[in-house]
Amino acid sequence: MPTRKKRNTSRNGLLLAVDVGNTNLTIGAFEGTRLAAHWRLRTALDQTADEWGILFRNLFALAGQDIRRVDGVIISSVVPSLDVSLAAMAPRYFDTEALFVNPANGTGLIIKIDNPFEVGADRVVNGLAAFRKYGGPCVVVDFGTAVNFDVVSAKGEYLGGVITAGIGISIAALFSKTARLPMVALREPEKLIGTNTIACLQSGFYYGSLGMLDGILERLISELGPQTRVVATGGQASLLASGSRFVQHIDEHLTLDGLRLIWDERHKTALPRKRSRRA
């Protein structure tokens, strides 16, 4: 077990923000409002607290960041099996308890869905970040393992959304259920009509995904009003949003910004940062 360090009591510390998704972990280190470093890692379900701690320590060292400056840890997670090891990692390696975001309490949005505990923490975090950065009403499209469409009203109410299968899942499913179709990468095709199997598949996945994206957005905007802001984030955001008729903003670090906003709201009167409890 590593030696516990003396707590950094200055305002110049770093905030470690971690978004735990089904496929990837998105990690950011904030110095104030500035994202000083960020990483994307594969979600490993069997990592221990020490393995996480050593991994974070190595990431900080490679990025030229002093891990001893971290005096706050905030986590949004949709993978409950990892919560125990990450919760144990924070006090052991950062001398502070991790704040786990709970979508039903204290996220800065009014949760209007039937059961607030059903919604993934990352979805509410994205909604908060989009509302604060771009205004409302707004729709966040998050391209991950699933494609989430999250809706926030002009009053800052999280209204719910739409969930559909992620693009990677669709590609893998077709490959696994067919004998002769190859696995392909999602990319914008050179032309609509493919002249070989790979080109046909790429055209189908790209334009099929784009059609799904704009079809759902068109219906949402029709319901919310023409002033609706649309923000895209996640793995395929830059690829698909550029071809969309409705996406106005591509924000790679939207979730991390949302975690920072929640942390700052919780600790805006605290000096120094205190050991925080799970939300």
C-alpha atoms as a PDB file:
ATOM      1  CA  MET A   1       0.000   0.000   0.000  1.00  0.00           C
ATOM      2  CA  PRO A   2       1.432   3.439  -0.911  1.00  0.00           C
ATOM      3  CA  THR A   3       2.301   5.991   1.754  1.00  0.00           C
ATOM      4  CA  ARG A   4      -0.520   8.439   2.401  1.00  0.00           C
ATOM      5  CA  LYS A   5       0.435  11.937   1.330  1.00  0.00           C
ATOM      6  CA  LYS A   6      -0.159  15.220   3.052  1.00  0.00           C
ATOM      7  CA  ARG A   7      -3.367  16.849   1.801  1.00  0.00           C
ATOM      8  CA  ASN A   8      -2.955  19.750  -0.606  1.00  0.00           C
ATOM      9  CA  THR A   9      -4.863  22.627   1.010  1.00  0.00           C
ATOM     10  CA  SER A  10      -4.266  25.264  -1.683  1.00  0.00           C
ATOM     11  CA  ARG A  11      -6.679  26.420  -4.365  1.00  0.00           C
ATOM     12  CA  ASN A  12      -4.179  25.251  -6.981  1.00  0.00           C
ATOM     13  CA  GLY A  13      -4.954  21.550  -6.743  1.00  0.00           C
ATOM     14  CA  LEU A  14      -6.188  19.266  -9.508  1.00  0.00           C
ATOM     15  CA  LEU A  15      -9.619  17.707  -9.825  1.00  0.00           C
ATOM     16  CA  LEU A  16      -9.677  14.160 -11.167  1.00  0.00           C
ATOM     17  CA  ALA A  17     -12.915  13.518 -13.111  1.00  0.00           C
ATOM     18  CA  VAL A  18     -13.753   9.989 -14.262  1.00  0.00           C
ATOM     19  CA  ASP A  19     -16.672   8.867 -16.421  1.00  0.00           C
ATOM     20  CA  VAL A  20     -17.043   5.078 -16.296  1.00  0.00           C
ATOM     21  CA  GLY A  21     -18.836   3.752 -19.371  1.00  0.00           C
ATOM     22  CA  ASN A  22     -19.572   0.213 -20.493  1.00  0.00           C
ATOM     23  CA  THR A  23     -16.794   0.294 -23.095  1.00  0.00           C
ATOM     24  CA  ASN A  24     -14.433   3.098 -22.067  1.00  0.00           C
ATOM     25  CA  LEU A  25     -13.335   5.222 -19.146  1.00  0.00           C
ATOM     26  CA  THR A  26     -12.986   8.910 -19.940  1.00  0.00           C
ATOM     27  CA  ILE A  27     -10.620  10.625 -17.522  1.00  0.00           C
ATOM     28  CA  GLY A  28      -9.737  14.272 -17.069  1.00  0.00           C
ATOM     29  CA  ALA A  29      -7.523  16.336 -14.774  1.00  0.00           C
ATOM     30  CA  PHE A  30      -8.794  19.887 -14.251  1.00  0.00           C
ATOM     31  CA  GLU A  31      -6.750  22.813 -13.047  1.00  0.00           C
ATOM     32  CA  GLY A  32      -9.513  25.223 -12.191  1.00  0.00           C
ATOM     33  CA  THR A  33     -11.740  25.300 -15.267  1.00  0.00           C
ATOM     34  CA  ARG A  34      -8.916  24.237 -17.600  1.00  0.00           C
ATOM     35  CA  LEU A  35      -8.714  20.612 -18.713  1.00  0.00           C
ATOM     36  CA  ALA A  36      -5.017  20.054 -18.122  1.00  0.00           C
ATOM     37  CA  ALA A  37      -4.915  16.429 -19.340  1.00  0.00           C
ATOM     38  CA  HIS A  38      -7.335  13.796 -20.508  1.00  0.00           C
ATOM     39  CA  TRP A  39      -7.309  10.111 -21.391  1.00  0.00           C
ATOM     40  CA  ARG A  40      -9.634   7.400 -22.723  1.00  0.00           C
ATOM     41  CA  LEU A  41      -9.105   3.829 -21.500  1.00  0.00           C
ATOM     42  CA  ARG A  42     -10.805   0.490 -22.000  1.00  0.00           C
ATOM     43  CA  THR A  43     -13.221  -0.411 -19.215  1.00  0.00           C
ATOM     44  CA  ALA A  44     -11.595  -3.316 -17.357  1.00  0.00           C
ATOM     45  CA  LEU A  45     -14.071  -5.012 -15.055  1.00  0.00           C
ATOM     46  CA  ASP A  46     -11.519  -6.939 -13.020  1.00  0.00           C
ATOM     47  CA  GLN A  47      -9.166  -4.115 -12.003  1.00  0.00           C
ATOM     48  CA  THR A  48      -8.361  -3.850  -8.307  1.00  0.00           C
ATOM     49  CA  ALA A  49      -8.061  -0.606  -6.364  1.00  0.00           C
ATOM     50  CA  ASP A  50      -4.262  -0.829  -6.499  1.00  0.00           C
ATOM     51  CA  GLU A  51      -4.273  -1.497 -10.221  1.00  0.00           C
ATOM     52  CA  TRP A  52      -6.409   1.592 -10.778  1.00  0.00           C
ATOM     53  CA  GLY A  53      -4.129   3.651  -8.557  1.00  0.00           C
ATOM     54  CA  ILE A  54      -0.977   2.541 -10.338  1.00  0.00           C
ATOM     55  CA  LEU A  55      -2.626   3.170 -13.722  1.00  0.00           C
ATOM     56  CA  PHE A  56      -3.629   6.717 -12.769  1.00  0.00           C
ATOM     57  CA  ARG A  57      -0.179   7.388 -11.351  1.00  0.00           C
ATOM     58  CA  ASN A  58       1.451   6.299 -14.621  1.00  0.00           C
ATOM     59  CA  LEU A  59      -0.949   8.382 -16.719  1.00  0.00           C
ATOM     60  CA  PHE A  60      -0.169  11.495 -14.700  1.00  0.00           C
ATOM     61  CA  ALA A  61       3.576  10.872 -14.922  1.00  0.00           C
ATOM     62  CA  LEU A  62       3.491  10.407 -18.709  1.00  0.00           C
ATOM     63  CA  ALA A  63       1.478  13.616 -19.084  1.00  0.00           C
ATOM     64  CA  GLY A  64       3.906  15.564 -16.922  1.00  0.00           C
ATOM     65  CA  GLN A  65       1.288  16.137 -14.206  1.00  0.00           C
ATOM     66  CA  ASP A  66       2.003  15.926 -10.483  1.00  0.00           C
ATOM     67  CA  ILE A  67      -0.428  13.385  -9.034  1.00  0.00           C
ATOM     68  CA  ARG A  68       0.226  14.808  -5.560  1.00  0.00           C
ATOM     69  CA  ARG A  69      -1.721  17.923  -6.582  1.00  0.00           C
ATOM     70  CA  VAL A  70      -4.982  15.961  -6.913  1.00  0.00           C
ATOM     71  CA  ASP A  71      -7.231  17.018  -4.032  1.00  0.00           C
ATOM     72  CA  GLY A  72     -10.630  16.028  -5.417  1.00  0.00           C
ATOM     73  CA  VAL A  73     -12.068  12.993  -7.243  1.00  0.00           C
ATOM     74  CA  ILE A  74     -15.514  12.887  -8.869  1.00  0.00           C
ATOM     75  CA  ILE A  75     -16.908   9.862 -10.693  1.00  0.00           C
ATOM     76  CA  SER A  76     -19.964   9.117 -12.802  1.00  0.00           C
ATOM     77  CA  SER A  77     -20.441   5.410 -13.377  1.00  0.00           C
ATOM     78  CA  VAL A  78     -22.844   3.125 -15.206  1.00  0.00           C
ATOM     79  CA  VAL A  79     -20.814   0.034 -14.263  1.00  0.00           C
ATOM     80  CA  PRO A  80     -21.677  -0.761 -10.614  1.00  0.00           C
ATOM     81  CA  SER A  81     -19.160  -3.610 -10.430  1.00  0.00           C
ATOM     82  CA  LEU A  82     -16.303  -1.088 -10.691  1.00  0.00           C
ATOM     83  CA  ASP A  83     -17.598   1.318  -8.062  1.00  0.00           C
ATOM     84  CA  VAL A  84     -16.128  -0.568  -5.093  1.00  0.00           C
ATOM     85  CA  SER A  85     -12.576  -0.698  -6.459  1.00  0.00           C
ATOM     86  CA  LEU A  86     -12.642   2.931  -7.621  1.00  0.00           C
ATOM     87  CA  ALA A  87     -14.064   4.065  -4.282  1.00  0.00           C
ATOM     88  CA  ALA A  88     -11.250   2.219  -2.474  1.00  0.00           C
ATOM     89  CA  MET A  89      -8.627   3.633  -4.836  1.00  0.00           C
ATOM     90  CA  ALA A  90      -9.373   7.309  -4.125  1.00  0.00           C
ATOM     91  CA  PRO A  91      -8.429   7.522  -0.417  1.00  0.00           C
ATOM     92  CA  ARG A  92      -5.544   5.124  -0.895  1.00  0.00           C
ATOM     93  CA  TYR A  93      -3.846   7.023  -3.725  1.00  0.00           C
ATOM     94  CA  PHE A  94      -5.311  10.538  -3.483  1.00  0.00           C
ATOM     95  CA  ASP A  95      -6.067  10.836   0.232  1.00  0.00           C
ATOM     96  CA  THR A  96      -9.650  11.875  -0.487  1.00  0.00           C
ATOM     97  CA  GLU A  97     -12.964  10.103  -0.874  1.00  0.00           C
ATOM     98  CA  ALA A  98     -14.468   9.983  -4.351  1.00  0.00           C
ATOM     99  CA  LEU A  99     -17.728  11.802  -4.949  1.00  0.00           C
ATOM    100  CA  PHE A 100     -19.997   9.494  -6.960  1.00  0.00           C
ATOM    101  CA  VAL A 101     -22.611  11.408  -8.928  1.00  0.00           C
ATOM    102  CA  ASN A 102     -26.169  10.336  -8.194  1.00  0.00           C
ATOM    103  CA  PRO A 103     -28.622  11.423 -10.911  1.00  0.00           C
ATOM    104  CA  ALA A 104     -31.424  11.716  -8.376  1.00  0.00           C
ATOM    105  CA  ASN A 105     -29.711  14.222  -6.121  1.00  0.00           C
ATOM    106  CA  GLY A 106     -27.630  17.340  -6.514  1.00  0.00           C
ATOM    107  CA  THR A 107     -26.778  17.344 -10.237  1.00  0.00           C
ATOM    108  CA  GLY A 108     -28.071  20.845 -10.867  1.00  0.00           C
ATOM    109  CA  LEU A 109     -31.014  19.733 -13.013  1.00  0.00           C
ATOM    110  CA  ILE A 110     -34.627  19.082 -12.062  1.00  0.00           C
ATOM    111  CA  ILE A 111     -35.172  15.401 -12.844  1.00  0.00           C
ATOM    112  CA  LYS A 112     -38.623  14.942 -14.378  1.00  0.00           C
ATOM    113  CA  ILE A 113     -38.546  11.274 -15.388  1.00  0.00           C
ATOM    114  CA  ASP A 114     -40.665   8.579 -13.715  1.00  0.00           C
ATOM    115  CA  ASN A 115     -37.841   7.060 -11.643  1.00  0.00           C
ATOM    116  CA  PRO A 116     -34.712   9.237 -11.333  1.00  0.00           C
ATOM    117  CA  PHE A 117     -32.628   6.247 -10.206  1.00  0.00           C
ATOM    118  CA  GLU A 118     -33.101   4.560 -13.598  1.00  0.00           C
ATOM    119  CA  VAL A 119     -31.197   7.175 -15.571  1.00  0.00           C
ATOM    120  CA  GLY A 120     -27.447   6.769 -16.020  1.00  0.00           C
ATOM    121  CA  ALA A 121     -25.367   9.351 -14.180  1.00  0.00           C
ATOM    122  CA  ASP A 122     -23.491  10.226 -17.376  1.00  0.00           C
ATOM    123  CA  ARG A 123     -26.736  11.183 -19.124  1.00  0.00           C
ATOM    124  CA  VAL A 124     -27.665  13.725 -16.482  1.00  0.00           C
ATOM    125  CA  VAL A 125     -24.074  15.018 -16.344  1.00  0.00           C
ATOM    126  CA  ASN A 126     -24.171  15.548 -20.117  1.00  0.00           C
ATOM    127  CA  GLY A 127     -27.515  17.305 -19.864  1.00  0.00           C
ATOM    128  CA  LEU A 128     -26.216  19.665 -17.186  1.00  0.00           C
ATOM    129  CA  ALA A 129     -23.063  20.501 -19.145  1.00  0.00           C
ATOM    130  CA  ALA A 130     -24.975  21.166 -22.364  1.00  0.00           C
ATOM    131  CA  PHE A 131     -27.545  23.342 -20.598  1.00  0.00           C
ATOM    132  CA  ARG A 132     -24.874  25.395 -18.818  1.00  0.00           C
ATOM    133  CA  LYS A 133     -22.669  25.778 -21.891  1.00  0.00           C
ATOM    134  CA  TYR A 134     -25.215  26.185 -24.690  1.00  0.00           C
ATOM    135  CA  GLY A 135     -28.574  26.959 -23.062  1.00  0.00           C
ATOM    136  CA  GLY A 136     -31.921  25.258 -23.364  1.00  0.00           C
ATOM    137  CA  PRO A 137     -33.928  23.592 -24.548  1.00  0.00           C
ATOM    138  CA  CYS A 138     -31.198  21.266 -25.701  1.00  0.00           C
ATOM    139  CA  VAL A 139     -30.609  17.713 -26.856  1.00  0.00           C
ATOM    140  CA  VAL A 140     -27.370  15.854 -26.174  1.00  0.00           C
ATOM    141  CA  VAL A 141     -26.471  12.985 -28.495  1.00  0.00           C
ATOM    142  CA  ASP A 142     -23.849  10.738 -26.878  1.00  0.00           C
ATOM    143  CA  PHE A 143     -22.323   8.131 -29.199  1.00  0.00           C
ATOM    144  CA  GLY A 144     -21.151   5.300 -26.973  1.00  0.00           C
ATOM    145  CA  THR A 145     -21.976   1.641 -26.428  1.00  0.00           C
ATOM    146  CA  ALA A 146     -25.533   2.905 -26.795  1.00  0.00           C
ATOM    147  CA  VAL A 147     -26.560   6.121 -28.546  1.00  0.00           C
ATOM    148  CA  ASN A 148     -28.304   8.327 -25.990  1.00  0.00           C
ATOM    149  CA  PHE A 149     -30.469  11.315 -26.823  1.00  0.00           C
ATOM    150  CA  ASP A 150     -30.935  13.348 -23.623  1.00  0.00           C
ATOM    151  CA  VAL A 151     -33.394  16.232 -23.447  1.00  0.00           C
ATOM    152  CA  VAL A 152     -33.255  19.284 -21.175  1.00  0.00           C
ATOM    153  CA  SER A 153     -35.961  21.943 -21.178  1.00  0.00           C
ATOM    154  CA  ALA A 154     -35.486  25.707 -21.279  1.00  0.00           C
ATOM    155  CA  LYS A 155     -36.110  25.671 -17.491  1.00  0.00           C
ATOM    156  CA  GLY A 156     -33.256  23.257 -16.787  1.00  0.00           C
ATOM    157  CA  GLU A 157     -35.472  20.181 -16.417  1.00  0.00           C
ATOM    158  CA  TYR A 158     -34.112  16.806 -17.440  1.00  0.00           C
ATOM    159  CA  LEU A 159     -37.092  15.427 -19.376  1.00  0.00           C
ATOM    160  CA  GLY A 160     -35.749  12.017 -20.429  1.00  0.00           C
ATOM    161  CA  GLY A 161     -34.729  10.976 -23.892  1.00  0.00           C
ATOM    162  CA  VAL A 162     -34.234   8.212 -26.414  1.00  0.00           C
ATOM    163  CA  ILE A 163     -31.840   5.242 -26.313  1.00  0.00           C
ATOM    164  CA  THR A 164     -30.864   3.065 -29.251  1.00  0.00           C
ATOM    165  CA  ALA A 165     -28.143   0.518 -29.985  1.00  0.00           C
ATOM    166  CA  GLY A 166     -24.651   1.876 -30.451  1.00  0.00           C
ATOM    167  CA  ILE A 167     -23.089   1.806 -33.896  1.00  0.00           C
ATOM    168  CA  GLY A 168     -20.294  -0.529 -32.823  1.00  0.00           C
ATOM    169  CA  ILE A 169     -22.836  -3.013 -31.455  1.00  0.00           C
ATOM    170  CA  SER A 170     -24.749  -2.940 -34.748  1.00  0.00           C
ATOM    171  CA  ILE A 171     -21.604  -3.620 -36.763  1.00  0.00           C
ATOM    172  CA  ALA A 172     -20.506  -6.451 -34.466  1.00  0.00           C
ATOM    173  CA  ALA A 173     -23.977  -8.020 -34.471  1.00  0.00           C
ATOM    174  CA  LEU A 174     -24.163  -8.143 -38.251  1.00  0.00           C
ATOM    175  CA  PHE A 175     -20.670  -9.632 -38.449  1.00  0.00           C
ATOM    176  CA  SER A 176     -21.463 -12.298 -35.839  1.00  0.00           C
ATOM    177  CA  LYS A 177     -24.771 -13.337 -37.436  1.00  0.00           C
ATOM    178  CA  THR A 178     -23.607 -13.633 -41.035  1.00  0.00           C
ATOM    179  CA  ALA A 179     -21.272 -16.148 -42.615  1.00  0.00           C
ATOM    180  CA  ARG A 180     -19.707 -14.068 -45.362  1.00  0.00           C
ATOM    181  CA  LEU A 181     -19.970 -10.412 -44.368  1.00  0.00           C
ATOM    182  CA  PRO A 182     -16.683  -8.985 -43.035  1.00  0.00           C
ATOM    183  CA  MET A 183     -16.170  -6.727 -40.041  1.00  0.00           C
ATOM    184  CA  VAL A 184     -15.728  -3.128 -41.198  1.00  0.00           C
ATOM    185  CA  ALA A 185     -14.878   0.160 -39.551  1.00  0.00           C
ATOM    186  CA  LEU A 186     -17.358   3.015 -39.528  1.00  0.00           C
ATOM    187  CA  ARG A 187     -16.251   5.704 -41.961  1.00  0.00           C
ATOM    188  CA  GLU A 188     -17.785   8.110 -44.429  1.00  0.00           C
ATOM    189  CA  PRO A 189     -17.918   6.273 -47.773  1.00  0.00           C
ATOM    190  CA  GLU A 190     -16.534   7.752 -50.968  1.00  0.00           C
ATOM    191  CA  LYS A 191     -19.913   7.303 -52.657  1.00  0.00           C
ATOM    192  CA  LEU A 192     -23.424   6.260 -51.714  1.00  0.00           C
ATOM    193  CA  ILE A 193     -23.694   3.209 -53.969  1.00  0.00           C
ATOM    194  CA  GLY A 194     -21.033   0.686 -53.046  1.00  0.00           C
ATOM    195  CA  THR A 195     -19.472  -1.453 -55.750  1.00  0.00           C
ATOM    196  CA  ASN A 196     -18.038  -4.123 -53.435  1.00  0.00           C
ATOM    197  CA  THR A 197     -19.122  -5.724 -50.188  1.00  0.00           C
ATOM    198  CA  ILE A 198     -17.001  -3.569 -47.887  1.00  0.00           C
ATOM    199  CA  ALA A 199     -18.107  -0.357 -49.618  1.00  0.00           C
ATOM    200  CA  CYS A 200     -21.754  -1.449 -49.402  1.00  0.00           C
ATOM    201  CA  LEU A 201     -21.431  -2.133 -45.691  1.00  0.00           C
ATOM    202  CA  GLN A 202     -19.662   1.141 -44.982  1.00  0.00           C
ATOM    203  CA  SER A 203     -22.291   3.074 -46.903  1.00  0.00           C
ATOM    204  CA  GLY A 204     -25.087   1.264 -45.080  1.00  0.00           C
ATOM    205  CA  PHE A 205     -23.638   1.793 -41.611  1.00  0.00           C
ATOM    206  CA  TYR A 206     -22.734   5.434 -42.221  1.00  0.00           C
ATOM    207  CA  TYR A 207     -25.934   6.578 -43.912  1.00  0.00           C
ATOM    208  CA  GLY A 208     -28.073   4.306 -41.780  1.00  0.00           C
ATOM    209  CA  SER A 209     -26.586   5.836 -38.627  1.00  0.00           C
ATOM    210  CA  LEU A 210     -26.908   9.333 -40.052  1.00  0.00           C
ATOM    211  CA  GLY A 211     -30.520   8.698 -40.997  1.00  0.00           C
ATOM    212  CA  MET A 212     -31.275   7.406 -37.501  1.00  0.00           C
ATOM    213  CA  LEU A 213     -29.564  10.434 -35.965  1.00  0.00           C
ATOM    214  CA  ASP A 214     -31.402  13.037 -38.002  1.00  0.00           C
ATOM    215  CA  GLY A 215     -34.695  11.152 -37.922  1.00  0.00           C
ATOM    216  CA  ILE A 216     -34.803  11.155 -34.118  1.00  0.00           C
ATOM    217  CA  LEU A 217     -33.507  14.721 -33.864  1.00  0.00           C
ATOM    218  CA  GLU A 218     -36.121  15.990 -36.300  1.00  0.00           C
ATOM    219  CA  ARG A 219     -38.894  14.577 -34.120  1.00  0.00           C
ATOM    220  CA  LEU A 220     -37.360  15.915 -30.907  1.00  0.00           C
ATOM    221  CA  ILE A 221     -36.883  19.407 -32.319  1.00  0.00           C
ATOM    222  CA  SER A 222     -40.457  19.352 -33.636  1.00  0.00           C
ATOM    223  CA  GLU A 223     -41.632  18.709 -30.075  1.00  0.00           C
ATOM    224  CA  LEU A 224     -39.247  21.058 -28.254  1.00  0.00           C
ATOM    225  CA  GLY A 225     -39.240  23.944 -30.731  1.00  0.00           C
ATOM    226  CA  PRO A 226     -36.936  25.355 -33.428  1.00  0.00           C
ATOM    227  CA  GLN A 227     -34.732  27.118 -30.858  1.00  0.00           C
ATOM    228  CA  THR A 228     -33.473  23.747 -29.573  1.00  0.00           C
ATOM    229  CA  ARG A 229     -29.693  23.393 -29.326  1.00  0.00           C
ATOM    230  CA  VAL A 230     -28.217  20.059 -30.363  1.00  0.00           C
ATOM    231  CA  VAL A 231     -24.865  18.940 -28.949  1.00  0.00           C
ATOM    232  CA  ALA A 232     -22.998  15.772 -29.952  1.00  0.00           C
ATOM    233  CA  THR A 233     -20.354  13.992 -27.901  1.00  0.00           C
ATOM    234  CA  GLY A 234     -18.781  10.536 -27.681  1.00  0.00           C
ATOM    235  CA  GLY A 235     -16.746   8.290 -29.929  1.00  0.00           C
ATOM    236  CA  GLN A 236     -18.365   8.812 -33.336  1.00  0.00           C
ATOM    237  CA  ALA A 237     -19.591  12.375 -32.727  1.00  0.00           C
ATOM    238  CA  SER A 238     -17.164  14.136 -35.053  1.00  0.00           C
ATOM    239  CA  LEU A 239     -17.696  11.628 -37.864  1.00  0.00           C
ATOM    240  CA  LEU A 240     -21.491  11.634 -37.907  1.00  0.00           C
ATOM    241  CA  ALA A 241     -22.322  15.103 -36.616  1.00  0.00           C
ATOM    242  CA  SER A 242     -20.544  16.746 -39.527  1.00  0.00           C
ATOM    243  CA  GLY A 243     -23.079  15.147 -41.868  1.00  0.00           C
ATOM    244  CA  SER A 244     -26.112  15.917 -39.711  1.00  0.00           C
ATOM    245  CA  ARG A 245     -28.686  18.557 -40.586  1.00  0.00           C
ATOM    246  CA  PHE A 246     -29.362  19.331 -36.928  1.00  0.00           C
ATOM    247  CA  VAL A 247     -26.197  18.989 -34.814  1.00  0.00           C
ATOM    248  CA  GLN A 248     -24.869  22.453 -33.991  1.00  0.00           C
ATOM    249  CA  HIS A 249     -22.028  21.696 -31.577  1.00  0.00           C
ATOM    250  CA  ILE A 250     -19.511  18.869 -31.249  1.00  0.00           C
ATOM    251  CA  ASP A 251     -18.126  18.790 -27.708  1.00  0.00           C
ATOM    252  CA  GLU A 252     -15.575  16.059 -27.080  1.00  0.00           C
ATOM    253  CA  HIS A 253     -15.210  16.760 -23.355  1.00  0.00           C
ATOM    254  CA  LEU A 254     -18.836  17.469 -22.485  1.00  0.00           C
ATOM    255  CA  THR A 255     -19.101  14.771 -19.790  1.00  0.00           C
ATOM    256  CA  LEU A 256     -15.872  15.804 -18.095  1.00  0.00           C
ATOM    257  CA  ASP A 257     -17.003  19.435 -18.101  1.00  0.00           C
ATOM    258  CA  GLY A 258     -20.267  18.364 -16.502  1.00  0.00           C
ATOM    259  CA  LEU A 259     -18.435  16.534 -13.729  1.00  0.00           C
ATOM    260  CA  ARG A 260     -16.320  19.615 -13.070  1.00  0.00           C
ATOM    261  CA  LEU A 261     -19.432  21.809 -12.921  1.00  0.00           C
ATOM    262  CA  ILE A 262     -21.056  19.486 -10.374  1.00  0.00           C
ATOM    263  CA  TRP A 263     -17.894  19.405  -8.261  1.00  0.00           C
ATOM    264  CA  ASP A 264     -17.526  23.192  -8.323  1.00  0.00           C
ATOM    265  CA  GLU A 265     -21.177  23.663  -7.351  1.00  0.00           C
ATOM    266  CA  ARG A 266     -20.807  21.279  -4.400  1.00  0.00           C
ATOM    267  CA  HIS A 267     -17.558  22.889  -3.213  1.00  0.00           C
ATOM    268  CA  LYS A 268     -17.896  26.545  -4.171  1.00  0.00           C
ATOM    269  CA  THR A 269     -17.863  27.635  -0.516  1.00  0.00           C
ATOM    270  CA  ALA A 270     -15.349  25.066   0.697  1.00  0.00           C
ATOM    271  CA  LEU A 271     -11.741  26.046   1.441  1.00  0.00           C
ATOM    272  CA  PRO A 272      -9.898  23.791   1.499  1.00  0.00           C
ATOM    273  CA  ARG A 273     -11.685  20.959  -0.264  1.00  0.00           C
ATOM    274  CA  LYS A 274     -13.095  18.589   2.325  1.00  0.00           C
ATOM    275  CA  ARG A 275     -13.373  14.874   2.247  1.00  0.00           C
ATOM    276  CA  SER A 276     -16.647  14.396   0.380  1.00  0.00           C
ATOM    277  CA  ARG A 277     -19.250  11.738   0.848  1.00  0.00           C
ATOM    278  CA  ARG A 278     -20.924   9.640  -1.829  1.00  0.00           C
ATOM    279  CA  ALA A 279     -23.835  11.564  -3.336  1.00  0.00           C
END
